[in-house]
C-alpha atoms as a PDB file:
ATOM      1  CA  MET A   1     -10.144 -51.782  25.054  1.00  0.00           C
ATOM      2  CA  THR A   2      -8.404 -53.485  27.941  1.00  0.00           C
ATOM      3  CA  TYR A   3      -8.176 -57.260  28.251  1.00  0.00           C
ATOM      4  CA  PRO A   4      -5.722 -59.772  29.678  1.00  0.00           C
ATOM      5  CA  ALA A   5      -2.538 -59.567  27.611  1.00  0.00           C
ATOM      6  CA  PHE A   6      -2.121 -63.336  27.793  1.00  0.00           C
ATOM      7  CA  ASP A   7      -5.070 -63.669  25.375  1.00  0.00           C
ATOM      8  CA  ILE A   8      -2.815 -62.581  22.511  1.00  0.00           C
ATOM      9  CA  SER A   9       0.612 -63.599  23.776  1.00  0.00           C
ATOM     10  CA  PRO A  10       2.501 -66.870  23.309  1.00  0.00           C
ATOM     11  CA  VAL A  11       3.913 -66.359  26.812  1.00  0.00           C
ATOM     12  CA  PRO A  12       2.133 -68.663  29.280  1.00  0.00           C
ATOM     13  CA  ILE A  13       0.490 -67.342  32.425  1.00  0.00           C
ATOM     14  CA  PRO A  14       3.181 -67.383  35.123  1.00  0.00           C
ATOM     15  CA  GLY A  15       3.022 -70.192  37.639  1.00  0.00           C
ATOM     16  CA  PRO A  16       4.791 -73.281  38.886  1.00  0.00           C
ATOM     17  CA  ASP A  17       3.140 -75.415  36.182  1.00  0.00           C
ATOM     18  CA  ALA A  18       3.799 -72.984  33.289  1.00  0.00           C
ATOM     19  CA  VAL A  19       5.021 -74.751  30.162  1.00  0.00           C
ATOM     20  CA  ALA A  20       6.920 -72.995  27.366  1.00  0.00           C
ATOM     21  CA  PRO A  21       5.053 -72.963  24.056  1.00  0.00           C
ATOM     22  CA  GLU A  22       6.406 -74.903  21.109  1.00  0.00           C
ATOM     23  CA  PRO A  23       8.618 -73.012  18.638  1.00  0.00           C
ATOM     24  CA  PHE A  24       6.330 -71.331  16.105  1.00  0.00           C
ATOM     25  CA  HIS A  25       7.014 -72.286  12.476  1.00  0.00           C
ATOM     26  CA  GLY A  26       4.099 -70.449  10.844  1.00  0.00           C
ATOM     27  CA  LEU A  27       4.260 -67.250   8.834  1.00  0.00           C
ATOM     28  CA  TYR A  28       2.786 -63.958  10.015  1.00  0.00           C
ATOM     29  CA  GLY A  29       3.348 -60.246   9.661  1.00  0.00           C
ATOM     30  CA  MET A  30       6.060 -59.614  12.240  1.00  0.00           C
ATOM     31  CA  PRO A  31       4.921 -56.837  14.585  1.00  0.00           C
ATOM     32  CA  MET A  32       8.514 -56.243  15.716  1.00  0.00           C
ATOM     33  CA  PHE A  33      11.994 -57.747  15.295  1.00  0.00           C
ATOM     34  CA  VAL A  34      15.646 -56.947  15.906  1.00  0.00           C
ATOM     35  CA  THR A  35      18.470 -57.013  13.374  1.00  0.00           C
ATOM     36  CA  VAL A  36      21.834 -58.206  14.660  1.00  0.00           C
ATOM     37  CA  PRO A  37      24.988 -57.622  12.584  1.00  0.00           C
ATOM     38  CA  THR A  38      27.644 -60.302  12.988  1.00  0.00           C
ATOM     39  CA  PRO A  39      31.106 -60.831  11.516  1.00  0.00           C
ATOM     40  CA  ASP A  40      30.513 -64.623  11.597  1.00  0.00           C
ATOM     41  CA  LEU A  41      27.043 -65.769  10.525  1.00  0.00           C
ATOM     42  CA  ALA A  42      27.803 -69.456  11.168  1.00  0.00           C
ATOM     43  CA  ALA A  43      29.045 -68.886  14.733  1.00  0.00           C
ATOM     44  CA  SER A  44      26.125 -66.586  15.534  1.00  0.00           C
ATOM     45  CA  LEU A  45      23.634 -69.052  14.045  1.00  0.00           C
ATOM     46  CA  ASP A  46      25.103 -71.851  16.165  1.00  0.00           C
ATOM     47  CA  PHE A  47      24.939 -69.747  19.350  1.00  0.00           C
ATOM     48  CA  TRP A  48      21.375 -68.537  18.814  1.00  0.00           C
ATOM     49  CA  ILE A  49      20.194 -72.093  18.056  1.00  0.00           C
ATOM     50  CA  ARG A  50      22.167 -74.160  20.580  1.00  0.00           C
ATOM     51  CA  GLY A  51      22.370 -71.525  23.295  1.00  0.00           C
ATOM     52  CA  LEU A  52      19.158 -69.547  23.097  1.00  0.00           C
ATOM     53  CA  GLY A  53      16.806 -72.141  21.597  1.00  0.00           C
ATOM     54  CA  PHE A  54      15.956 -70.346  18.355  1.00  0.00           C
ATOM     55  CA  PHE A  55      15.578 -72.133  15.010  1.00  0.00           C
ATOM     56  CA  GLU A  56      16.320 -71.054  11.461  1.00  0.00           C
ATOM     57  CA  LEU A  57      13.037 -70.078   9.807  1.00  0.00           C
ATOM     58  CA  PHE A  58      14.752 -69.255   6.500  1.00  0.00           C
ATOM     59  CA  SER A  59      17.898 -67.697   5.113  1.00  0.00           C
ATOM     60  CA  VAL A  60      19.289 -65.871   2.127  1.00  0.00           C
ATOM     61  CA  PRO A  61      22.831 -67.264   1.857  1.00  0.00           C
ATOM     62  CA  ASP A  62      25.494 -64.714   2.843  1.00  0.00           C
ATOM     63  CA  HIS A  63      22.856 -61.984   3.376  1.00  0.00           C
ATOM     64  CA  LEU A  64      20.387 -62.849   6.112  1.00  0.00           C
ATOM     65  CA  ILE A  65      19.308 -65.552   8.542  1.00  0.00           C
ATOM     66  CA  HIS A  66      15.803 -65.267   9.982  1.00  0.00           C
ATOM     67  CA  LEU A  67      15.623 -66.891  13.419  1.00  0.00           C
ATOM     68  CA  ARG A  68      12.562 -67.546  15.522  1.00  0.00           C
ATOM     69  CA  ARG A  69      11.752 -69.009  18.908  1.00  0.00           C
ATOM     70  CA  TRP A  70       8.154 -68.490  20.024  1.00  0.00           C
ATOM     71  CA  ALA A  71       5.614 -66.511  18.017  1.00  0.00           C
ATOM     72  CA  PHE A  72       6.698 -62.857  17.814  1.00  0.00           C
ATOM     73  CA  GLN A  73      10.299 -63.601  18.835  1.00  0.00           C
ATOM     74  CA  ASP A  74      12.069 -62.887  15.549  1.00  0.00           C
ATOM     75  CA  VAL A  75      15.738 -62.030  15.003  1.00  0.00           C
ATOM     76  CA  LEU A  76      17.472 -61.277  11.711  1.00  0.00           C
ATOM     77  CA  LEU A  77      21.199 -62.030  11.619  1.00  0.00           C
ATOM     78  CA  VAL A  78      23.020 -60.041   8.930  1.00  0.00           C
ATOM     79  CA  PRO A  79      26.710 -60.013   8.006  1.00  0.00           C
ATOM     80  CA  GLY A  80      28.824 -57.148   9.199  1.00  0.00           C
ATOM     81  CA  ASP A  81      30.697 -55.462  11.986  1.00  0.00           C
ATOM     82  CA  ARG A  82      29.165 -52.448  13.645  1.00  0.00           C
ATOM     83  CA  PRO A  83      31.177 -49.405  12.614  1.00  0.00           C
ATOM     84  CA  VAL A  84      31.832 -46.881  15.359  1.00  0.00           C
ATOM     85  CA  ASP A  85      29.357 -44.392  13.884  1.00  0.00           C
ATOM     86  CA  ALA A  86      26.625 -47.018  13.292  1.00  0.00           C
ATOM     87  CA  PRO A  87      23.560 -47.353  15.502  1.00  0.00           C
ATOM     88  CA  ALA A  88      24.027 -49.228  18.762  1.00  0.00           C
ATOM     89  CA  LEU A  89      20.818 -51.151  18.095  1.00  0.00           C
ATOM     90  CA  SER A  90      18.447 -51.662  15.188  1.00  0.00           C
ATOM     91  CA  VAL A  91      14.841 -52.574  15.900  1.00  0.00           C
ATOM     92  CA  SER A  92      11.974 -52.727  13.404  1.00  0.00           C
ATOM     93  CA  PHE A  93       8.302 -52.115  14.101  1.00  0.00           C
ATOM     94  CA  SER A  94       5.422 -52.813  11.745  1.00  0.00           C
ATOM     95  CA  CYS A  95       3.110 -50.032  10.721  1.00  0.00           C
ATOM     96  CA  VAL A  96       0.835 -49.298   7.752  1.00  0.00           C
ATOM     97  CA  LEU A  97       1.734 -47.312   4.649  1.00  0.00           C
ATOM     98  CA  GLY A  98      -0.492 -44.384   5.624  1.00  0.00           C
ATOM     99  CA  GLU A  99       1.502 -43.808   8.845  1.00  0.00           C
ATOM    100  CA  LEU A 100       4.980 -43.430   7.348  1.00  0.00           C
ATOM    101  CA  ASP A 101       4.800 -39.787   6.235  1.00  0.00           C
ATOM    102  CA  THR A 102       3.208 -38.683   9.518  1.00  0.00           C
ATOM    103  CA  ILE A 103       5.840 -40.520  11.576  1.00  0.00           C
ATOM    104  CA  ALA A 104       8.629 -39.058   9.425  1.00  0.00           C
ATOM    105  CA  ALA A 105       7.273 -35.514   9.845  1.00  0.00           C
ATOM    106  CA  ALA A 106       6.872 -35.909  13.615  1.00  0.00           C
ATOM    107  CA  CYS A 107      10.397 -37.301  14.008  1.00  0.00           C
ATOM    108  CA  GLU A 108      11.866 -34.537  11.844  1.00  0.00           C
ATOM    109  CA  GLN A 109      10.079 -31.931  13.956  1.00  0.00           C
ATOM    110  CA  ALA A 110      11.457 -33.520  17.136  1.00  0.00           C
ATOM    111  CA  ALA A 111      14.995 -34.032  15.803  1.00  0.00           C
ATOM    112  CA  PRO A 112      15.706 -32.509  12.375  1.00  0.00           C
ATOM    113  CA  GLY A 113      17.751 -34.759  10.091  1.00  0.00           C
ATOM    114  CA  CYS A 114      16.980 -37.970  11.986  1.00  0.00           C
ATOM    115  CA  THR A 115      15.045 -39.763   9.217  1.00  0.00           C
ATOM    116  CA  THR A 116      15.866 -41.526   5.967  1.00  0.00           C
ATOM    117  CA  GLY A 117      13.073 -42.519   3.619  1.00  0.00           C
ATOM    118  CA  PRO A 118      10.415 -43.805   3.321  1.00  0.00           C
ATOM    119  CA  THR A 119      12.155 -46.134   0.867  1.00  0.00           C
ATOM    120  CA  PRO A 120      10.601 -49.020  -1.135  1.00  0.00           C
ATOM    121  CA  MET A 121      12.437 -52.275  -0.409  1.00  0.00           C
ATOM    122  CA  PRO A 122      12.804 -55.387  -2.608  1.00  0.00           C
ATOM    123  CA  TRP A 123      11.008 -57.561  -0.021  1.00  0.00           C
ATOM    124  CA  ASN A 124       7.706 -55.757  -0.692  1.00  0.00           C
ATOM    125  CA  SER A 125       7.785 -53.202   2.101  1.00  0.00           C
ATOM    126  CA  VAL A 126       8.449 -49.506   2.506  1.00  0.00           C
ATOM    127  CA  GLU A 127      10.852 -48.537   5.297  1.00  0.00           C
ATOM    128  CA  LEU A 128      11.414 -45.346   7.231  1.00  0.00           C
ATOM    129  CA  ARG A 129      14.717 -45.306   9.149  1.00  0.00           C
ATOM    130  CA  VAL A 130      14.890 -43.104  12.230  1.00  0.00           C
ATOM    131  CA  ARG A 131      18.002 -42.385  14.321  1.00  0.00           C
ATOM    132  CA  THR A 132      16.986 -41.759  17.933  1.00  0.00           C
ATOM    133  CA  PRO A 133      18.780 -39.486  20.414  1.00  0.00           C
ATOM    134  CA  GLU A 134      20.305 -42.658  21.966  1.00  0.00           C
ATOM    135  CA  ASN A 135      21.823 -43.576  18.574  1.00  0.00           C
ATOM    136  CA  ALA A 136      19.433 -46.483  18.065  1.00  0.00           C
ATOM    137  CA  GLN A 137      18.034 -47.117  14.609  1.00  0.00           C
ATOM    138  CA  VAL A 138      14.271 -47.578  14.560  1.00  0.00           C
ATOM    139  CA  VAL A 139      12.898 -48.901  11.285  1.00  0.00           C
ATOM    140  CA  MET A 140       9.198 -48.374  10.728  1.00  0.00           C
ATOM    141  CA  THR A 141       8.278 -50.956   8.094  1.00  0.00           C
ATOM    142  CA  ALA A 142       5.010 -51.110   6.161  1.00  0.00           C
ATOM    143  CA  ALA A 143       4.033 -53.965   3.874  1.00  0.00           C
ATOM    144  CA  ARG A 144       2.827 -53.108   0.403  1.00  0.00           C
ATOM    145  CA  PRO A 145      -0.104 -54.893  -1.222  1.00  0.00           C
ATOM    146  CA  TYR A 146       1.203 -58.079  -2.812  1.00  0.00           C
ATOM    147  CA  ASP A 147       1.386 -58.083  -6.619  1.00  0.00           C
ATOM    148  CA  PRO A 148       2.456 -61.513  -7.943  1.00  0.00           C
ATOM    149  CA  ASP A 149       3.763 -59.884 -11.139  1.00  0.00           C
ATOM    150  CA  SER A 150       5.939 -57.278  -9.391  1.00  0.00           C
ATOM    151  CA  PRO A 151       9.756 -57.237  -9.220  1.00  0.00           C
ATOM    152  CA  GLU A 152       9.409 -57.687  -5.454  1.00  0.00           C
ATOM    153  CA  ALA A 153       7.434 -60.917  -5.931  1.00  0.00           C
ATOM    154  CA  ALA A 154      10.079 -62.168  -8.368  1.00  0.00           C
ATOM    155  CA  TYR A 155      12.778 -61.352  -5.800  1.00  0.00           C
ATOM    156  CA  LEU A 156      10.928 -63.256  -3.070  1.00  0.00           C
ATOM    157  CA  ARG A 157      10.460 -66.272  -5.355  1.00  0.00           C
ATOM    158  CA  ALA A 158      14.167 -66.160  -6.310  1.00  0.00           C
ATOM    159  CA  ILE A 159      15.193 -66.503  -2.655  1.00  0.00           C
ATOM    160  CA  GLY A 160      12.709 -69.321  -2.080  1.00  0.00           C
ATOM    161  CA  ILE A 161       9.813 -67.502  -0.436  1.00  0.00           C
ATOM    162  CA  GLU A 162       6.326 -68.021  -1.825  1.00  0.00           C
ATOM    163  CA  ALA A 163       4.136 -65.127  -0.798  1.00  0.00           C
ATOM    164  CA  PRO A 164       0.365 -65.519  -0.357  1.00  0.00           C
ATOM    165  CA  ARG A 165      -1.776 -65.244  -3.432  1.00  0.00           C
END
């Protein structure tokens, strides 16, 4: 189906009277986000907020800061320097659980040894990490059904995130 992309985008239709949307504070399944390692979380946080107009949606002290601007403009700041052999970029795309094995097999056929996982994560997702020929890391991330009694739910509650019931 083809339809005007502006029907689903927070980006306003271009024009001299276009007004930027308000920062989006709601929760949603992120269709895509980037992860940015930084040796100084506080300095990076300050720059992204004061310079680029993002806000802190939530954080896990010393581990992660989730920034947002408009809807679907999500950035995760994480501590660390990028080692020489690390990916030049890490980007995550949402998918569904049933896609992970097929994506892994297709990537392995295209470039043997390029995948790690799928791996269950403590934030209630399963992740497949793929190293591309450009040395980018692409993380295909699939949410698992929420179980309020699971270790993942306990982890989310411990860091101050209440998941839907």
